[in-house]
Amino acid sequence: MIVTTTNNIENKKVTRYIGIVSGEAIIGANIVKDFFAGIRDIVGGRSGSYEEGLREAKDIALREMQEQAARLGANAILAVDLDYETLGSNGSMLMVSASGTAVVIE
């Protein structure tokens, strides 16, 4: 399935617009990740554990969106948007959502 942030695909014709599809993933930060991220904040550097968690959540959200589009008969998703939001009392959880327009292209 072609998944793109653009509104069209070069040299492809959209034959049917199916509708909006989406996928979401919520990840929680655990105390070990928080501890090591805090140390990195003090000494500088990147937090690999958080980056990996973000990538995993993004992949889950995109996969769910593609599965929904496939169930509806689409073979492409246009105008994909990824959003990241913190949730919980201390922003202890992160939600990644992906949405786009499911279409059939030829």
Protein backbone atom coordinates (compact mmCIF):
# COMPACT_ATOMS: atom_id res chain seq x y z
CA MET A 1 0.00 0.00 0.00
CA ILE A 2 1.30 3.45 -0.90
CA VAL A 3 1.23 5.82 2.08
CA THR A 4 2.16 9.46 1.51
CA THR A 5 1.84 12.88 3.08
CA THR A 6 1.10 14.42 -0.32
CA ASN A 7 -2.37 14.99 -1.75
CA ASN A 8 -1.68 13.01 -4.91
CA ILE A 9 0.77 10.50 -6.34
CA GLU A 10 2.64 11.43 -9.47
CA ASN A 11 1.50 9.48 -12.54
CA LYS A 12 -1.32 7.80 -10.58
CA LYS A 13 -5.02 8.53 -10.94
CA VAL A 14 -7.36 8.34 -7.96
CA THR A 15 -10.40 6.37 -9.09
CA ARG A 16 -12.24 6.34 -5.76
CA TYR A 17 -12.08 8.26 -2.51
CA ILE A 18 -13.06 5.98 0.36
CA GLY A 19 -12.72 8.28 3.35
CA ILE A 20 -10.65 9.12 6.39
CA VAL A 21 -8.74 6.33 8.12
CA SER A 22 -6.73 6.52 11.32
CA GLY A 23 -4.62 4.61 13.78
CA GLU A 24 -3.50 5.39 17.31
CA ALA A 25 -0.93 4.15 19.78
CA ILE A 26 -0.39 5.18 23.39
CA ILE A 27 2.85 4.45 25.17
CA GLY A 28 3.66 4.98 28.82
CA ALA A 29 6.99 6.07 30.22
CA ASN A 30 8.35 3.73 32.87
CA ILE A 31 10.54 4.70 35.79
CA VAL A 32 13.76 3.23 34.33
CA LYS A 33 13.35 5.21 31.10
CA ASP A 34 12.55 8.34 33.12
CA PHE A 35 15.64 7.88 35.30
CA PHE A 36 18.05 7.50 32.39
CA ALA A 37 16.34 10.27 30.42
CA GLY A 38 16.79 12.54 33.44
CA ILE A 39 20.52 11.78 33.53
CA ARG A 40 20.80 12.55 29.82
CA ASP A 41 18.97 15.83 30.40
CA ILE A 42 21.63 16.78 32.96
CA VAL A 43 24.70 15.71 30.95
CA GLY A 44 23.26 16.24 27.48
CA GLY A 45 22.64 13.79 24.67
CA ARG A 46 19.70 11.94 23.25
CA SER A 47 17.37 9.56 25.00
CA GLY A 48 17.54 6.40 22.89
CA SER A 49 14.88 4.59 24.92
CA TYR A 50 12.35 7.38 24.35
CA GLU A 51 13.27 7.64 20.67
CA GLU A 52 12.74 3.91 20.24
CA GLY A 53 9.38 4.16 22.02
CA LEU A 54 8.31 6.98 19.71
CA ARG A 55 9.32 5.02 16.62
CA GLU A 56 7.43 1.97 17.85
CA ALA A 57 4.28 4.00 18.57
CA LYS A 58 4.48 5.69 15.16
CA ASP A 59 4.85 2.31 13.43
CA ILE A 60 1.84 0.92 15.32
CA ALA A 61 -0.33 3.93 14.43
CA LEU A 62 0.65 3.75 10.75
CA ARG A 63 0.09 -0.02 10.64
CA GLU A 64 -3.40 0.31 12.20
CA MET A 65 -4.29 3.04 9.70
CA GLN A 66 -3.12 0.87 6.77
CA GLU A 67 -5.05 -2.15 8.06
CA GLN A 68 -8.24 -0.08 8.28
CA ALA A 69 -7.71 1.24 4.74
CA ALA A 70 -7.11 -2.28 3.39
CA ARG A 71 -10.33 -3.55 5.05
CA LEU A 72 -12.19 -0.77 3.23
CA GLY A 73 -10.69 -1.75 -0.14
CA ALA A 74 -8.08 1.02 -0.50
CA ASN A 75 -4.68 0.54 -2.06
CA ALA A 76 -3.24 3.93 -1.03
CA ILE A 77 -3.53 6.57 1.67
CA LEU A 78 -3.05 10.25 0.83
CA ALA A 79 -2.46 13.35 2.96
CA VAL A 80 -1.17 11.40 5.96
CA ASP A 81 -0.75 13.44 9.14
CA LEU A 82 1.09 12.29 12.27
CA ASP A 83 0.27 13.92 15.61
CA TYR A 84 2.03 13.50 18.95
CA GLU A 85 0.28 14.39 22.23
CA THR A 86 1.17 13.90 25.88
CA LEU A 87 -1.49 12.46 28.16
CA GLY A 88 -1.79 11.75 31.87
CA SER A 89 -1.31 13.81 34.99
CA ASN A 90 2.41 14.51 34.38
CA GLY A 91 2.48 13.92 30.66
CA SER A 92 3.50 10.38 31.55
CA MET A 93 1.95 8.89 28.42
CA LEU A 94 2.41 9.73 24.79
CA MET A 95 -0.21 9.26 22.10
CA VAL A 96 0.74 9.03 18.44
CA SER A 97 -2.08 9.26 15.93
CA ALA A 98 -1.94 8.85 12.17
CA SER A 99 -4.75 9.84 9.82
CA GLY A 100 -5.18 10.17 6.08
CA THR A 101 -7.54 9.67 3.17
CA ALA A 102 -7.98 6.12 1.93
CA VAL A 103 -8.23 5.92 -1.86
CA VAL A 104 -8.10 3.51 -4.76
CA ILE A 105 -5.52 4.41 -7.40
CA GLU A 106 -4.82 2.87 -10.79
